């Protein structure tokens, strides 16, 4: 994904985001998911393979077992 793709993306914030500006925005693409800082929309974008993003969300929802 390049910066032009990021500028055309449909970015969204979590419904759980607070109004204090400490948010990330997410955009879905065919095979990847992108994240950016809502305070810096022209800044860097992190891109994850869809499977890696799904694993992260599952861990966040279920908690990651501690060893």
PDB file of N, CA and C in Angstrom:
ATOM      1  N   UNK A   1       0.842  -1.172   0.000  1.00  0.00           N
ATOM      2  CA  UNK A   1       0.000   0.000   0.000  1.00  0.00           C
ATOM      3  C   UNK A   1       0.890   1.239   0.000  1.00  0.00           C
ATOM      4  N   UNK A   2       0.546   2.214  -0.800  1.00  0.00           N
ATOM      5  CA  UNK A   2       1.316   3.444  -0.843  1.00  0.00           C
ATOM      6  C   UNK A   2       0.502   4.600  -0.252  1.00  0.00           C
ATOM      7  N   UNK A   3       1.115   5.770  -0.169  1.00  0.00           N
ATOM      8  CA  UNK A   3       0.452   6.921   0.458  1.00  0.00           C
ATOM      9  C   UNK A   3      -0.809   7.327  -0.303  1.00  0.00           C
ATOM     10  N   UNK A   4      -0.824   7.172  -1.628  1.00  0.00           N
ATOM     11  CA  UNK A   4      -2.011   7.492  -2.420  1.00  0.00           C
ATOM     12  C   UNK A   4      -3.163   6.569  -2.038  1.00  0.00           C
ATOM     13  N   UNK A   5      -2.873   5.271  -1.860  1.00  0.00           N
ATOM     14  CA  UNK A   5      -3.910   4.338  -1.423  1.00  0.00           C
ATOM     15  C   UNK A   5      -4.455   4.759  -0.064  1.00  0.00           C
ATOM     16  N   UNK A   6      -3.565   5.151   0.841  1.00  0.00           N
ATOM     17  CA  UNK A   6      -3.972   5.554   2.189  1.00  0.00           C
ATOM     18  C   UNK A   6      -4.858   6.790   2.149  1.00  0.00           C
ATOM     19  N   UNK A   7      -4.586   7.709   1.233  1.00  0.00           N
ATOM     20  CA  UNK A   7      -5.380   8.931   1.177  1.00  0.00           C
ATOM     21  C   UNK A   7      -6.783   8.672   0.639  1.00  0.00           C
ATOM     22  N   UNK A   8      -6.967   7.603  -0.122  1.00  0.00           N
ATOM     23  CA  UNK A   8      -8.287   7.265  -0.668  1.00  0.00           C
ATOM     24  C   UNK A   8      -9.040   6.260   0.201  1.00  0.00           C
ATOM     25  N   UNK A   9      -8.424   5.798   1.254  1.00  0.00           N
ATOM     26  CA  UNK A   9      -9.031   4.758   2.099  1.00  0.00           C
ATOM     27  C   UNK A   9     -10.241   5.286   2.861  1.00  0.00           C
ATOM     28  N   UNK A  10     -11.103   4.384   3.235  1.00  0.00           N
ATOM     29  CA  UNK A  10     -12.248   4.690   4.095  1.00  0.00           C
ATOM     30  C   UNK A  10     -11.815   4.434   5.537  1.00  0.00           C
ATOM     31  N   UNK A  11     -11.277   5.446   6.207  1.00  0.00           N
ATOM     32  CA  UNK A  11     -10.771   5.309   7.570  1.00  0.00           C
ATOM     33  C   UNK A  11     -11.922   5.382   8.553  1.00  0.00           C
ATOM     34  N   UNK A  12     -11.822   4.608   9.633  1.00  0.00           N
ATOM     35  CA  UNK A  12     -12.849   4.636  10.686  1.00  0.00           C
ATOM     36  C   UNK A  12     -12.194   4.529  12.046  1.00  0.00           C
ATOM     37  N   UNK A  13     -12.852   5.108  13.044  1.00  0.00           N
ATOM     38  CA  UNK A  13     -12.401   5.015  14.430  1.00  0.00           C
ATOM     39  C   UNK A  13     -13.265   4.003  15.150  1.00  0.00           C
ATOM     40  N   UNK A  14     -12.743   3.447  16.199  1.00  0.00           N
ATOM     41  CA  UNK A  14     -13.506   2.530  17.027  1.00  0.00           C
ATOM     42  C   UNK A  14     -14.674   3.259  17.673  1.00  0.00           C
ATOM     43  N   UNK A  15     -15.766   2.558  17.837  1.00  0.00           N
ATOM     44  CA  UNK A  15     -16.906   3.136  18.550  1.00  0.00           C
ATOM     45  C   UNK A  15     -16.570   3.365  20.019  1.00  0.00           C
ATOM     46  N   UNK A  16     -15.483   2.765  20.487  1.00  0.00           N
ATOM     47  CA  UNK A  16     -15.048   2.942  21.874  1.00  0.00           C
ATOM     48  C   UNK A  16     -14.016   4.059  22.039  1.00  0.00           C
ATOM     49  N   UNK A  17     -13.717   4.758  20.969  1.00  0.00           N
ATOM     50  CA  UNK A  17     -12.756   5.855  21.041  1.00  0.00           C
ATOM     51  C   UNK A  17     -13.312   6.977  21.907  1.00  0.00           C
ATOM     52  N   UNK A  18     -12.430   7.571  22.675  1.00  0.00           N
ATOM     53  CA  UNK A  18     -12.841   8.696  23.503  1.00  0.00           C
ATOM     54  C   UNK A  18     -12.654   9.989  22.718  1.00  0.00           C
ATOM     55  N   UNK A  19     -13.149  11.067  23.247  1.00  0.00           N
ATOM     56  CA  UNK A  19     -13.049  12.344  22.576  1.00  0.00           C
ATOM     57  C   UNK A  19     -11.751  13.078  22.829  1.00  0.00           C
ATOM     58  N   UNK A  20     -10.790  12.447  23.499  1.00  0.00           N
ATOM     59  CA  UNK A  20      -9.555  13.152  23.850  1.00  0.00           C
ATOM     60  C   UNK A  20      -8.484  13.088  22.768  1.00  0.00           C
ATOM     61  N   UNK A  21      -8.781  12.502  21.623  1.00  0.00           N
ATOM     62  CA  UNK A  21      -7.823  12.465  20.524  1.00  0.00           C
ATOM     63  C   UNK A  21      -6.827  11.328  20.576  1.00  0.00           C
ATOM     64  N   UNK A  22      -6.910  10.465  21.557  1.00  0.00           N
ATOM     65  CA  UNK A  22      -5.997   9.321  21.666  1.00  0.00           C
ATOM     66  C   UNK A  22      -6.597   8.127  20.929  1.00  0.00           C
ATOM     67  N   UNK A  23      -6.644   8.211  19.607  1.00  0.00           N
ATOM     68  CA  UNK A  23      -7.319   7.184  18.815  1.00  0.00           C
ATOM     69  C   UNK A  23      -6.444   6.716  17.661  1.00  0.00           C
ATOM     70  N   UNK A  24      -6.738   5.535  17.204  1.00  0.00           N
ATOM     71  CA  UNK A  24      -6.193   5.065  15.939  1.00  0.00           C
ATOM     72  C   UNK A  24      -7.363   4.903  14.985  1.00  0.00           C
ATOM     73  N   UNK A  25      -7.071   4.961  13.709  1.00  0.00           N
ATOM     74  CA  UNK A  25      -8.071   4.732  12.683  1.00  0.00           C
ATOM     75  C   UNK A  25      -7.653   3.500  11.892  1.00  0.00           C
ATOM     76  N   UNK A  26      -8.641   2.774  11.395  1.00  0.00           N
ATOM     77  CA  UNK A  26      -8.421   1.525  10.676  1.00  0.00           C
ATOM     78  C   UNK A  26      -9.040   1.642   9.289  1.00  0.00           C
ATOM     79  N   UNK A  27      -8.382   1.065   8.295  1.00  0.00           N
ATOM     80  CA  UNK A  27      -8.922   0.978   6.939  1.00  0.00           C
ATOM     81  C   UNK A  27      -8.719  -0.443   6.437  1.00  0.00           C
ATOM     82  N   UNK A  28      -9.747  -0.990   5.819  1.00  0.00           N
ATOM     83  CA  UNK A  28      -9.678  -2.338   5.252  1.00  0.00           C
ATOM     84  C   UNK A  28      -9.346  -2.277   3.767  1.00  0.00           C
ATOM     85  N   UNK A  29      -8.444  -3.153   3.354  1.00  0.00           N
ATOM     86  CA  UNK A  29      -8.112  -3.328   1.949  1.00  0.00           C
ATOM     87  C   UNK A  29      -8.347  -4.798   1.621  1.00  0.00           C
ATOM     88  N   UNK A  30      -8.125  -5.192   0.379  1.00  0.00           N
ATOM     89  CA  UNK A  30      -8.423  -6.568  -0.023  1.00  0.00           C
ATOM     90  C   UNK A  30      -7.723  -7.605   0.847  1.00  0.00           C
ATOM     91  N   UNK A  31      -6.427  -7.491   0.993  1.00  0.00           N
ATOM     92  CA  UNK A  31      -5.665  -8.508   1.724  1.00  0.00           C
ATOM     93  C   UNK A  31      -4.963  -7.964   2.956  1.00  0.00           C
ATOM     94  N   UNK A  32      -5.120  -6.669   3.222  1.00  0.00           N
ATOM     95  CA  UNK A  32      -4.438  -6.045   4.348  1.00  0.00           C
ATOM     96  C   UNK A  32      -5.370  -5.131   5.132  1.00  0.00           C
ATOM     97  N   UNK A  33      -4.904  -4.759   6.301  1.00  0.00           N
ATOM     98  CA  UNK A  33      -5.583  -3.796   7.168  1.00  0.00           C
ATOM     99  C   UNK A  33      -4.545  -2.741   7.528  1.00  0.00           C
ATOM    100  N   UNK A  34      -4.942  -1.473   7.466  1.00  0.00           N
ATOM    101  CA  UNK A  34      -4.016  -0.385   7.752  1.00  0.00           C
ATOM    102  C   UNK A  34      -4.459   0.377   8.995  1.00  0.00           C
ATOM    103  N   UNK A  35      -3.490   0.878   9.757  1.00  0.00           N
ATOM    104  CA  UNK A  35      -3.753   1.684  10.945  1.00  0.00           C
ATOM    105  C   UNK A  35      -2.974   2.982  10.854  1.00  0.00           C
ATOM    106  N   UNK A  36      -3.558   4.047  11.415  1.00  0.00           N
ATOM    107  CA  UNK A  36      -2.860   5.324  11.496  1.00  0.00           C
ATOM    108  C   UNK A  36      -3.323   6.067  12.744  1.00  0.00           C
ATOM    109  N   UNK A  37      -2.554   7.051  13.135  1.00  0.00           N
ATOM    110  CA  UNK A  37      -2.865   7.905  14.266  1.00  0.00           C
ATOM    111  C   UNK A  37      -3.889   8.936  13.812  1.00  0.00           C
ATOM    112  N   UNK A  38      -5.019   9.031  14.514  1.00  0.00           N
ATOM    113  CA  UNK A  38      -6.061   9.964  14.089  1.00  0.00           C
ATOM    114  C   UNK A  38      -5.617  11.425  14.187  1.00  0.00           C
ATOM    115  N   UNK A  39      -4.626  11.703  15.026  1.00  0.00           N
ATOM    116  CA  UNK A  39      -4.131  13.075  15.159  1.00  0.00           C
ATOM    117  C   UNK A  39      -3.189  13.463  14.022  1.00  0.00           C
ATOM    118  N   UNK A  40      -2.703  12.489  13.268  1.00  0.00           N
ATOM    119  CA  UNK A  40      -1.735  12.738  12.200  1.00  0.00           C
ATOM    120  C   UNK A  40      -2.127  11.946  10.956  1.00  0.00           C
ATOM    121  N   UNK A  41      -3.249  12.306  10.320  1.00  0.00           N
ATOM    122  CA  UNK A  41      -3.732  11.508   9.198  1.00  0.00           C
ATOM    123  C   UNK A  41      -2.798  11.454   7.993  1.00  0.00           C
ATOM    124  N   UNK A  42      -1.883  12.393   7.872  1.00  0.00           N
ATOM    125  CA  UNK A  42      -0.932  12.333   6.758  1.00  0.00           C
ATOM    126  C   UNK A  42       0.379  11.682   7.178  1.00  0.00           C
ATOM    127  N   UNK A  43       0.437  11.195   8.406  1.00  0.00           N
ATOM    128  CA  UNK A  43       1.643  10.565   8.927  1.00  0.00           C
ATOM    129  C   UNK A  43       1.774   9.113   8.498  1.00  0.00           C
ATOM    130  N   UNK A  44       2.652   8.388   9.187  1.00  0.00           N
ATOM    131  CA  UNK A  44       2.912   6.993   8.806  1.00  0.00           C
ATOM    132  C   UNK A  44       1.681   6.099   8.977  1.00  0.00           C
ATOM    133  N   UNK A  45       1.647   5.063   8.174  1.00  0.00           N
ATOM    134  CA  UNK A  45       0.565   4.075   8.189  1.00  0.00           C
ATOM    135  C   UNK A  45       1.187   2.707   8.428  1.00  0.00           C
ATOM    136  N   UNK A  46       0.644   1.968   9.376  1.00  0.00           N
ATOM    137  CA  UNK A  46       1.073   0.585   9.611  1.00  0.00           C
ATOM    138  C   UNK A  46       0.152  -0.331   8.827  1.00  0.00           C
ATOM    139  N   UNK A  47       0.722  -1.307   8.136  1.00  0.00           N
ATOM    140  CA  UNK A  47      -0.058  -2.227   7.307  1.00  0.00           C
ATOM    141  C   UNK A  47       0.189  -3.650   7.789  1.00  0.00           C
ATOM    142  N   UNK A  48      -0.901  -4.393   7.990  1.00  0.00           N
ATOM    143  CA  UNK A  48      -0.839  -5.771   8.478  1.00  0.00           C
ATOM    144  C   UNK A  48      -1.561  -6.692   7.518  1.00  0.00           C
ATOM    145  N   UNK A  49      -1.029  -7.884   7.361  1.00  0.00           N
ATOM    146  CA  UNK A  49      -1.767  -8.921   6.639  1.00  0.00           C
ATOM    147  C   UNK A  49      -3.057  -9.185   7.412  1.00  0.00           C
ATOM    148  N   UNK A  50      -4.126  -9.500   6.691  1.00  0.00           N
ATOM    149  CA  UNK A  50      -5.433  -9.690   7.324  1.00  0.00           C
ATOM    150  C   UNK A  50      -5.387 -10.778   8.415  1.00  0.00           C
ATOM    151  N   UNK A  51      -4.663 -11.868   8.197  1.00  0.00           N
ATOM    152  CA  UNK A  51      -4.573 -12.947   9.193  1.00  0.00           C
ATOM    153  C   UNK A  51      -3.868 -12.469  10.468  1.00  0.00           C
ATOM    154  N   UNK A  52      -2.817 -11.669  10.323  1.00  0.00           N
ATOM    155  CA  UNK A  52      -2.110 -11.146  11.491  1.00  0.00           C
ATOM    156  C   UNK A  52      -3.004 -10.201  12.284  1.00  0.00           C
ATOM    157  N   UNK A  53      -3.772  -9.380  11.596  1.00  0.00           N
ATOM    158  CA  UNK A  53      -4.702  -8.459  12.264  1.00  0.00           C
ATOM    159  C   UNK A  53      -5.779  -9.243  13.020  1.00  0.00           C
ATOM    160  N   UNK A  54      -6.301 -10.292  12.402  1.00  0.00           N
ATOM    161  CA  UNK A  54      -7.318 -11.123  13.054  1.00  0.00           C
ATOM    162  C   UNK A  54      -6.753 -11.773  14.318  1.00  0.00           C
ATOM    163  N   UNK A  55      -5.511 -12.223  14.268  1.00  0.00           N
ATOM    164  CA  UNK A  55      -4.875 -12.818  15.447  1.00  0.00           C
ATOM    165  C   UNK A  55      -4.696 -11.789  16.555  1.00  0.00           C
ATOM    166  N   UNK A  56      -4.291 -10.575  16.176  1.00  0.00           N
ATOM    167  CA  UNK A  56      -4.149  -9.510  17.167  1.00  0.00           C
ATOM    168  C   UNK A  56      -5.491  -9.222  17.840  1.00  0.00           C
ATOM    169  N   UNK A  57      -6.547  -9.080  17.047  1.00  0.00           N
ATOM    170  CA  UNK A  57      -7.870  -8.788  17.620  1.00  0.00           C
ATOM    171  C   UNK A  57      -8.344  -9.910  18.535  1.00  0.00           C
ATOM    172  N   UNK A  58      -8.125 -11.144  18.132  1.00  0.00           N
ATOM    173  CA  UNK A  58      -8.529 -12.279  18.976  1.00  0.00           C
ATOM    174  C   UNK A  58      -7.778 -12.244  20.301  1.00  0.00           C
ATOM    175  N   UNK A  59      -6.483 -11.961  20.268  1.00  0.00           N
ATOM    176  CA  UNK A  59      -5.706 -11.866  21.497  1.00  0.00           C
ATOM    177  C   UNK A  59      -6.176 -10.719  22.376  1.00  0.00           C
ATOM    178  N   UNK A  60      -6.499  -9.596  21.758  1.00  0.00           N
ATOM    179  CA  UNK A  60      -6.972  -8.440  22.530  1.00  0.00           C
ATOM    180  C   UNK A  60      -8.328  -8.721  23.169  1.00  0.00           C
ATOM    181  N   UNK A  61      -9.198  -9.403  22.462  1.00  0.00           N
ATOM    182  CA  UNK A  61     -10.529  -9.715  22.988  1.00  0.00           C
ATOM    183  C   UNK A  61     -10.486 -10.783  24.076  1.00  0.00           C
ATOM    184  N   UNK A  62      -9.643 -11.780  23.883  1.00  0.00           N
ATOM    185  CA  UNK A  62      -9.622 -12.935  24.786  1.00  0.00           C
ATOM    186  C   UNK A  62      -8.541 -12.861  25.845  1.00  0.00           C
ATOM    187  N   UNK A  63      -7.665 -11.921  25.733  1.00  0.00           N
ATOM    188  CA  UNK A  63      -6.532 -11.854  26.646  1.00  0.00           C
ATOM    189  C   UNK A  63      -5.459 -12.814  26.179  1.00  0.00           C
ATOM    190  N   UNK A  64      -4.244 -12.437  26.366  1.00  0.00           N
ATOM    191  CA  UNK A  64      -3.129 -13.284  25.962  1.00  0.00           C
ATOM    192  C   UNK A  64      -2.655 -14.040  27.196  1.00  0.00           C
ATOM    193  N   UNK A  65      -2.619 -15.376  27.135  1.00  0.00           N
ATOM    194  CA  UNK A  65      -2.192 -16.156  28.289  1.00  0.00           C
ATOM    195  C   UNK A  65      -0.788 -15.756  28.750  1.00  0.00           C
ATOM    196  N   UNK A  66      -0.613 -15.672  30.034  1.00  0.00           N
ATOM    197  CA  UNK A  66       0.703 -15.367  30.585  1.00  0.00           C
ATOM    198  C   UNK A  66       1.424 -16.653  30.946  1.00  0.00           C
ATOM    199  N   UNK A  67       2.731 -16.660  30.743  1.00  0.00           N
ATOM    200  CA  UNK A  67       3.490 -17.861  31.058  1.00  0.00           C
ATOM    201  C   UNK A  67       4.015 -17.835  32.454  1.00  0.00           C
TER     202      UNK A  67
END
